[in-house]
């Protein structure tokens, strides 16, 4: 956190500036009532600030603004003063005052003080030095008050990012768990298909050769399909890329198996032509996607 001394160094606020502001205090005290009145009339003339000010006690606000006004010339510009300004900034954030109106209000204060200096200091060098000291103390006040808004935004961003990070991590773990379940399910189905393949081999040796061979071939195609899906899921679990070709290939294998079954059922020619046409379209799609992936890899 920036200390008051750091702030003074950054703005070039010197001991001479402190003395000038302290010397200006009696004149400021004479005009603090006028300042408070004009300042409040201005703030209550803005619809955006009026809505906020109406929720507070007007007399108490007058006293607070008057005290802050006089603190500009108190001469005690230490870390206690810095903490006081920080609390003011946090109060602005708490009541929902837009930082734009903090800048607008400070500009109003600046004009009031500079006009007061011009009216009461005929000596040009003295007037210039006091104006510069006043500009510095107002800029430091505005800096500290505005920092409260930046801190609040950082808190929101930090909480938002932390929550987002937790949600993403939870979603990743959930997805990883589902992929594990899918791999186990595919393994179970593969074992079942392997058993069916063994049963088809038994049927072949029992004499039902044609049906047994076609069924066994269909089971082999399903087994190949399971192996491809499992391999793709394992690569996915290891952080590999999603391969759309695997799924197109699985659909092609399923279509080939359907054609084999259709042959065993002795389906009509129209059905078999439809299946063959679908298989041709899938083959073309597989070729186009494969070419596109190769072009991307080369690029």
C-alpha atoms as a PDB file:
ATOM      1  CA  UNK A   1       0.000   0.000   0.000  1.00  0.00           C
ATOM      2  CA  UNK A   2       1.248   3.508  -0.849  1.00  0.00           C
ATOM      3  CA  UNK A   3       2.248   5.571   2.180  1.00  0.00           C
ATOM      4  CA  UNK A   4       1.565   9.274   2.575  1.00  0.00           C
ATOM      5  CA  UNK A   5       5.264  10.000   2.122  1.00  0.00           C
ATOM      6  CA  UNK A   6       5.256   8.091  -1.177  1.00  0.00           C
ATOM      7  CA  UNK A   7       2.239  10.097  -2.262  1.00  0.00           C
ATOM      8  CA  UNK A   8       3.984  13.367  -1.393  1.00  0.00           C
ATOM      9  CA  UNK A   9       7.093  12.323  -3.303  1.00  0.00           C
ATOM     10  CA  UNK A  10       5.094  11.326  -6.376  1.00  0.00           C
ATOM     11  CA  UNK A  11       3.207  14.625  -6.468  1.00  0.00           C
ATOM     12  CA  UNK A  12       6.186  16.750  -5.446  1.00  0.00           C
ATOM     13  CA  UNK A  13       4.385  17.955  -2.316  1.00  0.00           C
ATOM     14  CA  UNK A  14       7.018  19.754  -0.223  1.00  0.00           C
ATOM     15  CA  UNK A  15       7.284  21.242   3.259  1.00  0.00           C
ATOM     16  CA  UNK A  16       6.846  24.665   1.655  1.00  0.00           C
ATOM     17  CA  UNK A  17       3.521  23.495   0.229  1.00  0.00           C
ATOM     18  CA  UNK A  18       2.436  22.405   3.715  1.00  0.00           C
ATOM     19  CA  UNK A  19       3.316  25.808   5.167  1.00  0.00           C
ATOM     20  CA  UNK A  20       1.455  27.626   2.401  1.00  0.00           C
ATOM     21  CA  UNK A  21      -1.694  25.576   2.999  1.00  0.00           C
ATOM     22  CA  UNK A  22      -1.478  26.045   6.769  1.00  0.00           C
ATOM     23  CA  UNK A  23      -1.156  29.803   6.248  1.00  0.00           C
ATOM     24  CA  UNK A  24      -4.259  29.687   4.049  1.00  0.00           C
ATOM     25  CA  UNK A  25      -6.334  28.000   6.787  1.00  0.00           C
ATOM     26  CA  UNK A  26      -7.743  31.199   8.424  1.00  0.00           C
ATOM     27  CA  UNK A  27      -9.084  32.439   5.088  1.00  0.00           C
ATOM     28  CA  UNK A  28     -10.517  29.000   4.312  1.00  0.00           C
ATOM     29  CA  UNK A  29     -12.247  28.963   7.716  1.00  0.00           C
ATOM     30  CA  UNK A  30     -13.923  32.289   6.918  1.00  0.00           C
ATOM     31  CA  UNK A  31     -15.430  30.827   3.749  1.00  0.00           C
ATOM     32  CA  UNK A  32     -16.159  27.236   4.787  1.00  0.00           C
ATOM     33  CA  UNK A  33     -19.864  27.940   5.350  1.00  0.00           C
ATOM     34  CA  UNK A  34     -20.146  29.453   1.881  1.00  0.00           C
ATOM     35  CA  UNK A  35     -18.254  26.499   0.452  1.00  0.00           C
ATOM     36  CA  UNK A  36     -20.510  23.952   2.172  1.00  0.00           C
ATOM     37  CA  UNK A  37     -23.642  25.738   1.006  1.00  0.00           C
ATOM     38  CA  UNK A  38     -22.537  26.089  -2.617  1.00  0.00           C
ATOM     39  CA  UNK A  39     -21.137  22.554  -2.684  1.00  0.00           C
ATOM     40  CA  UNK A  40     -24.343  21.008  -1.372  1.00  0.00           C
ATOM     41  CA  UNK A  41     -26.563  23.087  -3.635  1.00  0.00           C
ATOM     42  CA  UNK A  42     -24.524  21.823  -6.553  1.00  0.00           C
ATOM     43  CA  UNK A  43     -24.688  18.166  -5.450  1.00  0.00           C
ATOM     44  CA  UNK A  44     -28.427  18.360  -4.766  1.00  0.00           C
ATOM     45  CA  UNK A  45     -28.861  19.849  -8.218  1.00  0.00           C
ATOM     46  CA  UNK A  46     -27.646  16.620  -9.828  1.00  0.00           C
ATOM     47  CA  UNK A  47     -30.331  13.892 -10.025  1.00  0.00           C
ATOM     48  CA  UNK A  48     -27.743  11.108  -9.748  1.00  0.00           C
ATOM     49  CA  UNK A  49     -26.207  12.420  -6.526  1.00  0.00           C
ATOM     50  CA  UNK A  50     -29.493  13.651  -5.053  1.00  0.00           C
ATOM     51  CA  UNK A  51     -30.832  10.085  -4.986  1.00  0.00           C
ATOM     52  CA  UNK A  52     -27.855   9.063  -2.822  1.00  0.00           C
ATOM     53  CA  UNK A  53     -27.729  12.178  -0.626  1.00  0.00           C
ATOM     54  CA  UNK A  54     -31.425  11.909   0.248  1.00  0.00           C
ATOM     55  CA  UNK A  55     -30.689   8.678   2.121  1.00  0.00           C
ATOM     56  CA  UNK A  56     -28.422  10.557   4.585  1.00  0.00           C
ATOM     57  CA  UNK A  57     -28.871  13.332   7.134  1.00  0.00           C
ATOM     58  CA  UNK A  58     -28.259  16.622   5.327  1.00  0.00           C
ATOM     59  CA  UNK A  59     -26.891  18.480   8.359  1.00  0.00           C
ATOM     60  CA  UNK A  60     -24.471  15.658   9.095  1.00  0.00           C
ATOM     61  CA  UNK A  61     -23.275  15.709   5.484  1.00  0.00           C
ATOM     62  CA  UNK A  62     -22.722  19.471   5.710  1.00  0.00           C
ATOM     63  CA  UNK A  63     -20.539  18.983   8.777  1.00  0.00           C
ATOM     64  CA  UNK A  64     -18.584  16.130   7.181  1.00  0.00           C
ATOM     65  CA  UNK A  65     -17.872  18.083   4.009  1.00  0.00           C
ATOM     66  CA  UNK A  66     -16.966  21.162   6.028  1.00  0.00           C
ATOM     67  CA  UNK A  67     -14.525  19.150   8.158  1.00  0.00           C
ATOM     68  CA  UNK A  68     -12.962  17.579   5.071  1.00  0.00           C
ATOM     69  CA  UNK A  69     -12.638  21.038   3.497  1.00  0.00           C
ATOM     70  CA  UNK A  70     -10.740  22.347   6.521  1.00  0.00           C
ATOM     71  CA  UNK A  71      -8.543  19.224   6.672  1.00  0.00           C
ATOM     72  CA  UNK A  72      -7.059  20.317   3.342  1.00  0.00           C
ATOM     73  CA  UNK A  73      -5.287  23.085   5.255  1.00  0.00           C
ATOM     74  CA  UNK A  74      -4.671  21.304   8.567  1.00  0.00           C
ATOM     75  CA  UNK A  75      -0.952  20.781   7.973  1.00  0.00           C
ATOM     76  CA  UNK A  76      -1.003  17.199   9.314  1.00  0.00           C
ATOM     77  CA  UNK A  77      -0.454  15.264   6.097  1.00  0.00           C
ATOM     78  CA  UNK A  78       0.640  11.935   7.547  1.00  0.00           C
ATOM     79  CA  UNK A  79      -0.570   8.327   7.333  1.00  0.00           C
ATOM     80  CA  UNK A  80      -3.497   9.147   9.622  1.00  0.00           C
ATOM     81  CA  UNK A  81      -4.596  11.691   7.041  1.00  0.00           C
ATOM     82  CA  UNK A  82      -4.156   9.042   4.336  1.00  0.00           C
ATOM     83  CA  UNK A  83      -6.325   6.577   6.290  1.00  0.00           C
ATOM     84  CA  UNK A  84      -8.963   9.277   6.709  1.00  0.00           C
ATOM     85  CA  UNK A  85      -9.095   9.815   2.939  1.00  0.00           C
ATOM     86  CA  UNK A  86      -9.236   6.057   2.360  1.00  0.00           C
ATOM     87  CA  UNK A  87     -12.269   5.771   4.651  1.00  0.00           C
ATOM     88  CA  UNK A  88     -13.964   8.564   2.704  1.00  0.00           C
ATOM     89  CA  UNK A  89     -13.305   6.696  -0.540  1.00  0.00           C
ATOM     90  CA  UNK A  90     -14.711   3.457   0.875  1.00  0.00           C
ATOM     91  CA  UNK A  91     -17.800   5.342   2.073  1.00  0.00           C
ATOM     92  CA  UNK A  92     -18.359   6.612  -1.486  1.00  0.00           C
ATOM     93  CA  UNK A  93     -18.085   3.062  -2.808  1.00  0.00           C
ATOM     94  CA  UNK A  94     -20.419   1.730  -0.105  1.00  0.00           C
ATOM     95  CA  UNK A  95     -23.250   4.174  -0.891  1.00  0.00           C
ATOM     96  CA  UNK A  96     -22.898   3.462  -4.621  1.00  0.00           C
ATOM     97  CA  UNK A  97     -21.599   6.867  -5.716  1.00  0.00           C
ATOM     98  CA  UNK A  98     -20.175   6.636  -9.220  1.00  0.00           C
ATOM     99  CA  UNK A  99     -16.492   7.599  -9.389  1.00  0.00           C
ATOM    100  CA  UNK A 100     -17.404  10.061 -12.146  1.00  0.00           C
ATOM    101  CA  UNK A 101     -19.214  12.243  -9.609  1.00  0.00           C
ATOM    102  CA  UNK A 102     -16.241  12.102  -7.234  1.00  0.00           C
ATOM    103  CA  UNK A 103     -14.180  13.687 -10.008  1.00  0.00           C
ATOM    104  CA  UNK A 104     -16.951  16.163 -10.801  1.00  0.00           C
ATOM    105  CA  UNK A 105     -17.245  17.193  -7.144  1.00  0.00           C
ATOM    106  CA  UNK A 106     -13.473  17.591  -6.792  1.00  0.00           C
ATOM    107  CA  UNK A 107     -13.447  19.805  -9.859  1.00  0.00           C
ATOM    108  CA  UNK A 108     -16.066  21.984  -8.163  1.00  0.00           C
ATOM    109  CA  UNK A 109     -13.907  22.243  -5.028  1.00  0.00           C
ATOM    110  CA  UNK A 110     -10.887  23.094  -7.157  1.00  0.00           C
ATOM    111  CA  UNK A 111     -12.664  25.985  -8.871  1.00  0.00           C
ATOM    112  CA  UNK A 112     -13.942  27.343  -5.555  1.00  0.00           C
ATOM    113  CA  UNK A 113     -10.479  27.377  -3.969  1.00  0.00           C
ATOM    114  CA  UNK A 114      -8.624  28.737  -6.984  1.00  0.00           C
ATOM    115  CA  UNK A 115     -11.136  31.572  -7.324  1.00  0.00           C
ATOM    116  CA  UNK A 116     -10.784  32.285  -3.601  1.00  0.00           C
ATOM    117  CA  UNK A 117      -7.000  32.466  -3.967  1.00  0.00           C
ATOM    118  CA  UNK A 118      -7.216  34.733  -7.009  1.00  0.00           C
ATOM    119  CA  UNK A 119      -9.557  37.085  -5.146  1.00  0.00           C
ATOM    120  CA  UNK A 120      -7.366  37.404  -2.031  1.00  0.00           C
ATOM    121  CA  UNK A 121      -3.743  37.147  -3.198  1.00  0.00           C
ATOM    122  CA  UNK A 122      -2.761  40.043  -5.448  1.00  0.00           C
ATOM    123  CA  UNK A 123       0.937  39.095  -5.460  1.00  0.00           C
ATOM    124  CA  UNK A 124       1.509  36.931  -8.536  1.00  0.00           C
ATOM    125  CA  UNK A 125       4.326  34.739  -7.144  1.00  0.00           C
ATOM    126  CA  UNK A 126       2.545  34.112  -3.853  1.00  0.00           C
ATOM    127  CA  UNK A 127      -0.693  33.377  -5.690  1.00  0.00           C
ATOM    128  CA  UNK A 128       1.028  30.970  -8.095  1.00  0.00           C
ATOM    129  CA  UNK A 129       2.758  29.055  -5.273  1.00  0.00           C
ATOM    130  CA  UNK A 130      -0.476  28.701  -3.290  1.00  0.00           C
ATOM    131  CA  UNK A 131      -2.404  27.607  -6.369  1.00  0.00           C
ATOM    132  CA  UNK A 132       0.185  24.881  -7.043  1.00  0.00           C
ATOM    133  CA  UNK A 133       0.077  23.663  -3.429  1.00  0.00           C
ATOM    134  CA  UNK A 134      -3.736  23.587  -3.557  1.00  0.00           C
ATOM    135  CA  UNK A 135      -3.709  21.657  -6.834  1.00  0.00           C
ATOM    136  CA  UNK A 136      -1.347  19.078  -5.328  1.00  0.00           C
ATOM    137  CA  UNK A 137      -3.370  18.450  -2.166  1.00  0.00           C
ATOM    138  CA  UNK A 138      -6.593  18.126  -4.173  1.00  0.00           C
ATOM    139  CA  UNK A 139      -4.951  15.739  -6.637  1.00  0.00           C
ATOM    140  CA  UNK A 140      -3.663  13.582  -3.775  1.00  0.00           C
ATOM    141  CA  UNK A 141      -7.138  13.518  -2.220  1.00  0.00           C
ATOM    142  CA  UNK A 142      -8.686  12.493  -5.521  1.00  0.00           C
ATOM    143  CA  UNK A 143      -6.021   9.838  -6.063  1.00  0.00           C
ATOM    144  CA  UNK A 144      -6.658   8.156  -2.697  1.00  0.00           C
ATOM    145  CA  UNK A 145     -10.447   8.311  -3.004  1.00  0.00           C
ATOM    146  CA  UNK A 146     -10.380   6.913  -6.551  1.00  0.00           C
ATOM    147  CA  UNK A 147      -8.096   4.086  -5.400  1.00  0.00           C
ATOM    148  CA  UNK A 148     -10.978   2.762  -3.282  1.00  0.00           C
ATOM    149  CA  UNK A 149     -12.950   2.157  -6.478  1.00  0.00           C
ATOM    150  CA  UNK A 150      -9.996   0.369  -8.081  1.00  0.00           C
ATOM    151  CA  UNK A 151      -9.625  -1.842  -5.003  1.00  0.00           C
ATOM    152  CA  UNK A 152     -13.330  -2.711  -5.126  1.00  0.00           C
ATOM    153  CA  UNK A 153     -13.099  -3.640  -8.813  1.00  0.00           C
ATOM    154  CA  UNK A 154     -10.044  -5.811  -8.141  1.00  0.00           C
ATOM    155  CA  UNK A 155     -11.928  -7.599  -5.354  1.00  0.00           C
ATOM    156  CA  UNK A 156     -14.810  -8.338  -7.713  1.00  0.00           C
ATOM    157  CA  UNK A 157     -12.461  -9.571 -10.424  1.00  0.00           C
ATOM    158  CA  UNK A 158     -10.545 -11.709  -7.917  1.00  0.00           C
ATOM    159  CA  UNK A 159     -13.715 -13.316  -6.536  1.00  0.00           C
ATOM    160  CA  UNK A 160     -15.128 -13.783 -10.038  1.00  0.00           C
ATOM    161  CA  UNK A 161     -11.958 -15.393 -11.348  1.00  0.00           C
ATOM    162  CA  UNK A 162     -11.604 -17.587  -8.272  1.00  0.00           C
ATOM    163  CA  UNK A 163     -15.186 -18.818  -8.619  1.00  0.00           C
ATOM    164  CA  UNK A 164     -14.735 -19.305 -12.351  1.00  0.00           C
ATOM    165  CA  UNK A 165     -11.545 -21.282 -11.740  1.00  0.00           C
ATOM    166  CA  UNK A 166     -13.305 -23.566  -9.234  1.00  0.00           C
ATOM    167  CA  UNK A 167     -16.228 -24.152 -11.609  1.00  0.00           C
ATOM    168  CA  UNK A 168     -13.919 -24.950 -14.528  1.00  0.00           C
ATOM    169  CA  UNK A 169     -11.875 -27.331 -12.378  1.00  0.00           C
ATOM    170  CA  UNK A 170     -15.064 -29.041 -11.158  1.00  0.00           C
ATOM    171  CA  UNK A 171     -16.398 -29.348 -14.723  1.00  0.00           C
ATOM    172  CA  UNK A 172     -13.085 -30.783 -15.923  1.00  0.00           C
ATOM    173  CA  UNK A 173     -13.084 -33.401 -13.158  1.00  0.00           C
ATOM    174  CA  UNK A 174     -16.711 -34.282 -13.871  1.00  0.00           C
ATOM    175  CA  UNK A 175     -15.984 -34.659 -17.598  1.00  0.00           C
ATOM    176  CA  UNK A 176     -12.906 -36.742 -16.835  1.00  0.00           C
ATOM    177  CA  UNK A 177     -15.025 -39.004 -14.631  1.00  0.00           C
ATOM    178  CA  UNK A 178     -17.634 -39.423 -17.373  1.00  0.00           C
ATOM    179  CA  UNK A 179     -14.896 -40.342 -19.849  1.00  0.00           C
ATOM    180  CA  UNK A 180     -13.624 -42.987 -17.433  1.00  0.00           C
ATOM    181  CA  UNK A 181     -17.142 -44.402 -17.117  1.00  0.00           C
ATOM    182  CA  UNK A 182     -17.437 -44.416 -20.914  1.00  0.00           C
ATOM    183  CA  UNK A 183     -14.141 -46.297 -21.308  1.00  0.00           C
ATOM    184  CA  UNK A 184     -15.278 -48.904 -18.772  1.00  0.00           C
ATOM    185  CA  UNK A 185     -18.638 -49.237 -20.532  1.00  0.00           C
ATOM    186  CA  UNK A 186     -16.917 -49.682 -23.905  1.00  0.00           C
ATOM    187  CA  UNK A 187     -14.650 -52.313 -22.377  1.00  0.00           C
ATOM    188  CA  UNK A 188     -17.693 -54.178 -21.047  1.00  0.00           C
ATOM    189  CA  UNK A 189     -19.448 -54.044 -24.427  1.00  0.00           C
ATOM    190  CA  UNK A 190     -16.254 -55.216 -26.159  1.00  0.00           C
ATOM    191  CA  UNK A 191     -16.074 -58.259 -23.886  1.00  0.00           C
ATOM    192  CA  UNK A 192     -19.721 -59.064 -24.692  1.00  0.00           C
ATOM    193  CA  UNK A 193     -19.066 -58.738 -28.436  1.00  0.00           C
ATOM    194  CA  UNK A 194     -16.019 -61.004 -28.130  1.00  0.00           C
ATOM    195  CA  UNK A 195     -18.216 -63.630 -26.440  1.00  0.00           C
ATOM    196  CA  UNK A 196     -20.784 -63.308 -29.239  1.00  0.00           C
ATOM    197  CA  UNK A 197     -17.997 -63.760 -31.784  1.00  0.00           C
ATOM    198  CA  UNK A 198     -16.993 -66.978 -30.024  1.00  0.00           C
ATOM    199  CA  UNK A 199     -20.608 -68.168 -30.130  1.00  0.00           C
ATOM    200  CA  UNK A 200     -20.760 -67.460 -33.890  1.00  0.00           C
ATOM    201  CA  UNK A 201     -17.617 -69.550 -34.409  1.00  0.00           C
ATOM    202  CA  UNK A 202     -19.298 -72.411 -32.565  1.00  0.00           C
ATOM    203  CA  UNK A 203     -22.316 -72.066 -34.901  1.00  0.00           C
ATOM    204  CA  UNK A 204     -19.990 -72.300 -37.917  1.00  0.00           C
ATOM    205  CA  UNK A 205     -18.584 -75.611 -36.684  1.00  0.00           C
ATOM    206  CA  UNK A 206     -22.119 -76.834 -36.024  1.00  0.00           C
ATOM    207  CA  UNK A 207     -22.904 -76.540 -39.728  1.00  0.00           C
ATOM    208  CA  UNK A 208     -24.623 -73.129 -40.085  1.00  0.00           C
ATOM    209  CA  UNK A 209     -21.674 -71.834 -42.115  1.00  0.00           C
ATOM    210  CA  UNK A 210     -23.204 -68.963 -44.123  1.00  0.00           C
ATOM    211  CA  UNK A 211     -25.099 -67.377 -41.257  1.00  0.00           C
ATOM    212  CA  UNK A 212     -22.250 -68.010 -38.842  1.00  0.00           C
ATOM    213  CA  UNK A 213     -19.631 -66.369 -41.077  1.00  0.00           C
ATOM    214  CA  UNK A 214     -21.764 -63.282 -41.743  1.00  0.00           C
ATOM    215  CA  UNK A 215     -22.645 -62.942 -38.059  1.00  0.00           C
ATOM    216  CA  UNK A 216     -19.011 -63.419 -37.029  1.00  0.00           C
ATOM    217  CA  UNK A 217     -17.940 -60.792 -39.553  1.00  0.00           C
ATOM    218  CA  UNK A 218     -20.549 -58.420 -38.129  1.00  0.00           C
ATOM    219  CA  UNK A 219     -19.283 -59.043 -34.597  1.00  0.00           C
ATOM    220  CA  UNK A 220     -15.702 -58.392 -35.736  1.00  0.00           C
ATOM    221  CA  UNK A 221     -16.789 -55.082 -37.215  1.00  0.00           C
ATOM    222  CA  UNK A 222     -18.486 -54.126 -33.939  1.00  0.00           C
ATOM    223  CA  UNK A 223     -15.375 -55.192 -32.032  1.00  0.00           C
ATOM    224  CA  UNK A 224     -13.224 -53.008 -34.281  1.00  0.00           C
ATOM    225  CA  UNK A 225     -15.649 -50.163 -33.686  1.00  0.00           C
ATOM    226  CA  UNK A 226     -15.358 -50.615 -29.902  1.00  0.00           C
ATOM    227  CA  UNK A 227     -11.558 -50.685 -30.103  1.00  0.00           C
ATOM    228  CA  UNK A 228     -11.491 -47.437 -32.104  1.00  0.00           C
ATOM    229  CA  UNK A 229     -13.855 -45.714 -29.681  1.00  0.00           C
ATOM    230  CA  UNK A 230     -11.882 -46.888 -26.656  1.00  0.00           C
ATOM    231  CA  UNK A 231      -8.614 -45.774 -28.231  1.00  0.00           C
ATOM    232  CA  UNK A 232     -10.082 -42.348 -28.962  1.00  0.00           C
ATOM    233  CA  UNK A 233     -11.427 -41.989 -25.405  1.00  0.00           C
ATOM    234  CA  UNK A 234      -8.080 -43.018 -23.886  1.00  0.00           C
ATOM    235  CA  UNK A 235      -6.313 -40.393 -26.018  1.00  0.00           C
ATOM    236  CA  UNK A 236      -8.915 -37.875 -24.903  1.00  0.00           C
ATOM    237  CA  UNK A 237      -8.240 -38.727 -21.243  1.00  0.00           C
ATOM    238  CA  UNK A 238      -4.534 -38.135 -21.879  1.00  0.00           C
ATOM    239  CA  UNK A 239      -5.282 -34.699 -23.304  1.00  0.00           C
ATOM    240  CA  UNK A 240      -5.392 -35.639 -26.976  1.00  0.00           C
ATOM    241  CA  UNK A 241      -7.500 -33.950 -29.649  1.00  0.00           C
ATOM    242  CA  UNK A 242     -11.049 -34.922 -30.514  1.00  0.00           C
ATOM    243  CA  UNK A 243     -10.980 -36.954 -33.759  1.00  0.00           C
ATOM    244  CA  UNK A 244     -14.222 -36.688 -35.721  1.00  0.00           C
ATOM    245  CA  UNK A 245     -12.991 -39.291 -38.222  1.00  0.00           C
ATOM    246  CA  UNK A 246     -13.304 -42.008 -35.588  1.00  0.00           C
ATOM    247  CA  UNK A 247     -17.014 -41.362 -35.207  1.00  0.00           C
ATOM    248  CA  UNK A 248     -17.607 -41.213 -38.952  1.00  0.00           C
ATOM    249  CA  UNK A 249     -15.709 -44.505 -39.231  1.00  0.00           C
ATOM    250  CA  UNK A 250     -17.887 -46.039 -36.516  1.00  0.00           C
ATOM    251  CA  UNK A 251     -21.028 -45.034 -38.422  1.00  0.00           C
ATOM    252  CA  UNK A 252     -19.577 -46.556 -41.601  1.00  0.00           C
ATOM    253  CA  UNK A 253     -18.836 -49.822 -39.775  1.00  0.00           C
ATOM    254  CA  UNK A 254     -22.352 -49.860 -38.331  1.00  0.00           C
ATOM    255  CA  UNK A 255     -23.742 -49.324 -41.830  1.00  0.00           C
ATOM    256  CA  UNK A 256     -21.644 -52.201 -43.246  1.00  0.00           C
ATOM    257  CA  UNK A 257     -22.961 -54.460 -40.493  1.00  0.00           C
ATOM    258  CA  UNK A 258     -26.509 -53.375 -41.311  1.00  0.00           C
ATOM    259  CA  UNK A 259     -25.910 -54.316 -44.962  1.00  0.00           C
ATOM    260  CA  UNK A 260     -24.686 -57.758 -43.882  1.00  0.00           C
ATOM    261  CA  UNK A 261     -27.772 -58.264 -41.724  1.00  0.00           C
ATOM    262  CA  UNK A 262     -29.974 -57.031 -44.572  1.00  0.00           C
ATOM    263  CA  UNK A 263     -28.422 -59.683 -46.805  1.00  0.00           C
ATOM    264  CA  UNK A 264     -29.205 -62.377 -44.251  1.00  0.00           C
ATOM    265  CA  UNK A 265     -32.798 -61.132 -43.979  1.00  0.00           C
ATOM    266  CA  UNK A 266     -33.105 -61.111 -47.790  1.00  0.00           C
ATOM    267  CA  UNK A 267     -34.460 -57.545 -47.763  1.00  0.00           C
ATOM    268  CA  UNK A 268     -35.847 -56.090 -50.976  1.00  0.00           C
ATOM    269  CA  UNK A 269     -33.611 -54.394 -53.525  1.00  0.00           C
ATOM    270  CA  UNK A 270     -34.790 -50.864 -52.627  1.00  0.00           C
ATOM    271  CA  UNK A 271     -33.729 -51.289 -48.980  1.00  0.00           C
ATOM    272  CA  UNK A 272     -30.320 -52.631 -49.943  1.00  0.00           C
ATOM    273  CA  UNK A 273     -29.861 -49.834 -52.516  1.00  0.00           C
ATOM    274  CA  UNK A 274     -30.703 -47.254 -49.835  1.00  0.00           C
ATOM    275  CA  UNK A 275     -28.151 -48.763 -47.448  1.00  0.00           C
ATOM    276  CA  UNK A 276     -25.510 -48.884 -50.182  1.00  0.00           C
ATOM    277  CA  UNK A 277     -26.196 -45.245 -51.131  1.00  0.00           C
ATOM    278  CA  UNK A 278     -25.924 -44.161 -47.502  1.00  0.00           C
ATOM    279  CA  UNK A 279     -22.631 -46.028 -47.198  1.00  0.00           C
ATOM    280  CA  UNK A 280     -21.336 -44.268 -50.329  1.00  0.00           C
ATOM    281  CA  UNK A 281     -22.249 -40.831 -48.917  1.00  0.00           C
ATOM    282  CA  UNK A 282     -20.541 -41.656 -45.617  1.00  0.00           C
ATOM    283  CA  UNK A 283     -17.446 -42.790 -47.505  1.00  0.00           C
ATOM    284  CA  UNK A 284     -17.304 -39.487 -49.408  1.00  0.00           C
ATOM    285  CA  UNK A 285     -17.776 -37.568 -46.146  1.00  0.00           C
ATOM    286  CA  UNK A 286     -14.960 -39.564 -44.532  1.00  0.00           C
ATOM    287  CA  UNK A 287     -12.668 -38.750 -47.458  1.00  0.00           C
ATOM    288  CA  UNK A 288     -13.458 -35.009 -47.383  1.00  0.00           C
ATOM    289  CA  UNK A 289     -12.951 -34.718 -43.615  1.00  0.00           C
ATOM    290  CA  UNK A 290      -9.708 -36.685 -43.865  1.00  0.00           C
ATOM    291  CA  UNK A 291      -8.407 -34.340 -46.576  1.00  0.00           C
ATOM    292  CA  UNK A 292      -9.393 -31.287 -44.535  1.00  0.00           C
ATOM    293  CA  UNK A 293      -7.556 -32.586 -41.459  1.00  0.00           C
ATOM    294  CA  UNK A 294      -4.417 -33.279 -43.501  1.00  0.00           C
ATOM    295  CA  UNK A 295      -4.498 -29.739 -44.924  1.00  0.00           C
ATOM    296  CA  UNK A 296      -4.816 -28.321 -41.393  1.00  0.00           C
ATOM    297  CA  UNK A 297      -1.880 -30.420 -40.183  1.00  0.00           C
ATOM    298  CA  UNK A 298       0.276 -29.151 -43.065  1.00  0.00           C
ATOM    299  CA  UNK A 299      -0.701 -25.549 -42.312  1.00  0.00           C
END
